[in-house]
Amino acid sequence: MRVLYFAQASDVTGCREEDWKVDRDLTLEEFWAEALRRHPALAELAGQSRVASGMRYVTDNQYLDRLEEAAIIPPVSGG
C-alpha cells in the first residue's frame, strides 16, 4: 500500500509518501494504528485528519484496499 502524507502530515513524518507491506485490506482503525506505530508524531493530527483511499474518504465501517493509494489529509484552511 502506498501511503501519501499531505501538509502537516508530511511535516511530522518527514516524508511525502512511503510504501507499506500489508497482506490484507485494513480497517480505518487498523490503518491509524499502523500509521501511529510508524510515526508517533502523527498522533497530534489523527483526530482531525481524514484518510482517503481510491479517491474517496474512508469512514469507520469501510476498508482501505491494500492495492490502492491511501492518503492522510490534515485539515486545510483557505485564504
Protein backbone atom coordinates (compact mmCIF):
# COMPACT_ATOMS: atom_id res chain seq x y z
CA MET A 1 0.00 0.00 0.00
CA ARG A 2 1.41 3.37 -0.96
CA VAL A 3 0.65 5.97 1.73
CA LEU A 4 0.72 9.68 0.90
CA TYR A 5 1.18 12.36 3.54
CA PHE A 6 -0.12 15.85 2.86
CA ALA A 7 0.58 19.22 4.52
CA GLN A 8 1.32 18.89 8.27
CA ALA A 9 1.31 15.08 8.00
CA SER A 10 4.28 15.35 5.65
CA ASP A 11 5.99 17.73 8.06
CA VAL A 12 5.68 15.47 11.11
CA THR A 13 6.60 12.26 9.28
CA GLY A 14 9.46 13.77 7.33
CA CYS A 15 8.23 12.18 4.10
CA ARG A 16 5.62 12.75 1.43
CA GLU A 17 4.96 9.09 0.70
CA GLU A 18 6.06 5.60 1.62
CA ASP A 19 5.19 2.01 0.79
CA TRP A 20 3.75 -0.26 3.45
CA LYS A 21 3.93 -4.03 3.12
CA VAL A 22 0.49 -5.24 4.18
CA ASP A 23 -1.04 -8.60 3.37
CA ARG A 24 -4.71 -7.63 3.58
CA ASP A 25 -7.06 -4.67 3.40
CA LEU A 26 -7.14 -2.56 6.57
CA THR A 27 -9.96 -1.05 8.55
CA LEU A 28 -9.61 2.64 9.26
CA GLU A 29 -8.71 1.81 12.87
CA GLU A 30 -6.00 -0.64 11.76
CA PHE A 31 -4.67 1.91 9.28
CA TRP A 32 -4.32 4.57 12.00
CA ALA A 33 -2.71 2.06 14.38
CA GLU A 34 -0.07 1.27 11.76
CA ALA A 35 0.45 4.93 10.87
CA LEU A 36 0.98 5.82 14.54
CA ARG A 37 3.30 2.86 15.06
CA ARG A 38 5.46 4.10 12.19
CA HIS A 39 5.15 7.81 13.00
CA PRO A 40 4.09 8.52 16.60
CA ALA A 41 4.14 12.28 15.89
CA LEU A 42 1.01 11.78 13.74
CA ALA A 43 -0.97 11.45 16.99
CA GLU A 44 -1.37 15.23 17.12
CA LEU A 45 -3.14 15.13 13.73
CA ALA A 46 -5.01 11.82 13.91
CA GLY A 47 -8.22 13.14 15.46
CA GLN A 48 -8.64 15.92 12.93
CA SER A 49 -7.29 14.38 9.72
CA ARG A 50 -9.19 12.43 7.06
CA VAL A 51 -8.00 9.34 5.26
CA ALA A 52 -8.74 8.80 1.59
CA SER A 53 -8.32 5.64 -0.46
CA GLY A 54 -9.27 5.07 -4.06
CA MET A 55 -10.19 8.76 -4.47
CA ARG A 56 -12.78 8.69 -1.68
CA TYR A 57 -12.78 9.47 2.02
CA VAL A 58 -12.83 6.39 4.22
CA THR A 59 -15.31 6.10 7.09
CA ASP A 60 -15.19 3.86 10.15
CA ASN A 61 -17.06 0.95 8.59
CA GLN A 62 -15.01 0.81 5.37
CA TYR A 63 -11.75 -0.88 4.47
CA LEU A 64 -8.71 0.61 2.79
CA ASP A 65 -7.78 -1.51 -0.22
CA ARG A 66 -4.14 -2.56 0.12
CA LEU A 67 -3.75 -2.22 -3.67
CA GLU A 68 -4.90 1.44 -3.70
CA GLU A 69 -3.05 4.54 -2.58
CA ALA A 70 -4.09 5.87 0.80
CA ALA A 71 -3.68 9.48 1.85
CA ILE A 72 -3.63 11.23 5.20
CA ILE A 73 -5.17 14.66 4.69
CA PRO A 74 -4.98 17.11 7.61
CA PRO A 75 -7.46 19.96 7.83
CA VAL A 76 -6.70 22.83 5.48
CA SER A 77 -7.64 26.47 5.57
CA GLY A 78 -8.06 28.81 2.66
CA GLY A 79 -7.36 32.42 2.31
